Each structure stands twice: as C-alpha cells, then as structure tokens.
Amino acid sequence: MLSPSDTAIVFLLALLLFGPDQLPRIARQLGEAMRHVQSTTHSFMNEMERAARADEQRHLTTIDAAVTEPHDYSKTDEAADAAEESKTTDLGG
C-alpha cells in the first residue's frame, strides 16, 4: 500500500503529465478498470469454490457408496470355481 507521501507524489506526477483537464477522465477509467478486475477475480474465486465443493461432494458420495454397499463375495468365489473347473477339464481332456 502506498503511504500518504507516495500517494501525493503520484498525484502530482499525474497532474503534471496529464494536466487538470484529463486527470478526472483518467481517474474514472482507472476506477472502471479496477472494478472490472475485482469483478473478474470475484467470479473466478466463486467458480473455483463451486468446483471444489462439487468435487468434494462427488468424492463423499463415492466413499459413502463404497462403505454402505456390501460386496458380494459369492460371485467372486463362483467365478474362481468356474475358472478352476475349466482348467481341470482342459487338462483332463
């Protein structure tokens, strides 16, 4: 942040460079540019927060589904038994 003496120096330089007639117009344009930058920054931050919340919710839903849905091990055992039976049938002829 600029100190009061720094601000006075900047103001005097602007007054000398642009003159008293142009200074209000330049200050207005500078204010509009600052508002645009702030608005864009605010929109960007809101979008990033929304995306982070959506991603966190998706992860929590996935975790909840994994915890609450029991795994059916019988299907895995049946597949293993079928594969083992297939091997012995192929070997035995």
Protein backbone atom coordinates (compact mmCIF):
# COMPACT_ATOMS: atom_id res chain seq x y z
CA MET A 1 0.00 0.00 0.00
CA LEU A 2 1.20 3.50 -0.74
CA SER A 3 1.96 5.87 2.08
CA PRO A 4 0.31 9.33 2.07
CA SER A 5 3.53 10.95 0.81
CA ASP A 6 3.81 8.37 -2.00
CA THR A 7 0.20 9.00 -2.97
CA ALA A 8 0.83 12.76 -3.09
CA ILE A 9 3.87 12.25 -5.33
CA VAL A 10 1.92 10.00 -7.71
CA PHE A 11 -0.93 12.54 -7.81
CA LEU A 12 1.47 15.42 -8.59
CA LEU A 13 3.19 13.42 -11.34
CA ALA A 14 -0.18 12.51 -12.88
CA LEU A 15 -1.24 16.16 -12.70
CA LEU A 16 1.96 17.28 -14.44
CA LEU A 17 1.80 14.53 -17.10
CA PHE A 18 -1.90 14.68 -17.98
CA GLY A 19 -2.99 18.14 -16.85
CA PRO A 20 -6.01 19.14 -14.79
CA ASP A 21 -8.45 18.61 -17.66
CA GLN A 22 -7.53 14.98 -18.37
CA LEU A 23 -7.00 13.82 -14.77
CA PRO A 24 -10.70 13.21 -13.90
CA ARG A 25 -11.24 11.19 -17.09
CA ILE A 26 -8.15 9.08 -16.42
CA ALA A 27 -9.16 8.54 -12.78
CA ARG A 28 -12.64 7.42 -13.92
CA GLN A 29 -11.14 4.96 -16.44
CA LEU A 30 -8.77 3.65 -13.81
CA GLY A 31 -11.69 3.12 -11.41
CA GLU A 32 -13.67 1.25 -14.06
CA ALA A 33 -10.67 -0.96 -14.82
CA MET A 34 -10.22 -1.74 -11.11
CA ARG A 35 -13.91 -2.64 -10.75
CA HIS A 36 -13.64 -4.94 -13.77
CA VAL A 37 -10.57 -6.67 -12.32
CA GLN A 38 -12.30 -7.09 -8.95
CA SER A 39 -15.45 -8.46 -10.59
CA THR A 40 -13.46 -10.92 -12.68
CA THR A 41 -11.45 -12.03 -9.65
CA HIS A 42 -14.63 -12.47 -7.60
CA SER A 43 -16.27 -14.52 -10.37
CA PHE A 44 -13.17 -16.70 -10.74
CA MET A 45 -12.96 -17.36 -6.99
CA ASN A 46 -16.68 -18.24 -6.82
CA GLU A 47 -16.30 -20.68 -9.72
CA MET A 48 -13.25 -22.33 -8.14
CA GLU A 49 -15.08 -22.72 -4.81
CA ARG A 50 -18.13 -24.19 -6.59
CA ALA A 51 -15.96 -26.68 -8.46
CA ALA A 52 -14.15 -27.67 -5.26
CA ARG A 53 -17.47 -28.23 -3.44
CA ALA A 54 -18.81 -30.31 -6.35
CA ASP A 55 -15.63 -32.41 -6.44
CA GLU A 56 -15.73 -32.93 -2.67
CA GLN A 57 -19.39 -33.95 -2.84
CA ARG A 58 -18.61 -36.43 -5.63
CA HIS A 59 -15.82 -37.99 -3.56
CA LEU A 60 -18.04 -38.21 -0.47
CA THR A 61 -20.80 -39.87 -2.49
CA THR A 62 -18.32 -42.41 -3.86
CA ILE A 63 -16.97 -43.14 -0.39
CA ASP A 64 -20.48 -43.46 1.07
CA ALA A 65 -21.47 -45.88 -1.69
CA ALA A 66 -18.38 -48.00 -1.12
CA VAL A 67 -18.98 -48.14 2.63
CA THR A 68 -22.73 -48.79 2.57
CA GLU A 69 -22.92 -51.34 -0.27
CA PRO A 70 -21.74 -54.78 0.86
CA HIS A 71 -19.54 -56.70 -1.51
CA ASP A 72 -20.96 -59.96 -2.82
CA TYR A 73 -18.06 -62.36 -2.39
CA SER A 74 -20.08 -65.35 -3.60
CA LYS A 75 -19.89 -64.06 -7.17
CA THR A 76 -16.14 -63.85 -6.92
CA ASP A 77 -15.95 -67.37 -5.49
CA GLU A 78 -18.22 -68.73 -8.24
CA ALA A 79 -16.03 -67.14 -10.92
CA ALA A 80 -12.90 -68.60 -9.33
CA ASP A 81 -14.55 -72.03 -9.07
CA ALA A 82 -15.60 -71.89 -12.73
CA ALA A 83 -12.08 -70.92 -13.80
CA GLU A 84 -10.58 -73.73 -11.72
CA GLU A 85 -13.07 -76.23 -13.15
CA SER A 86 -12.26 -75.03 -16.65
CA LYS A 87 -8.56 -75.66 -16.06
CA THR A 88 -9.07 -79.19 -14.77
CA THR A 89 -11.42 -80.03 -17.64
CA ASP A 90 -8.88 -78.80 -20.20
CA LEU A 91 -6.08 -80.79 -18.60
CA GLY A 92 -8.11 -83.94 -18.12
CA GLY A 93 -9.24 -84.00 -21.65
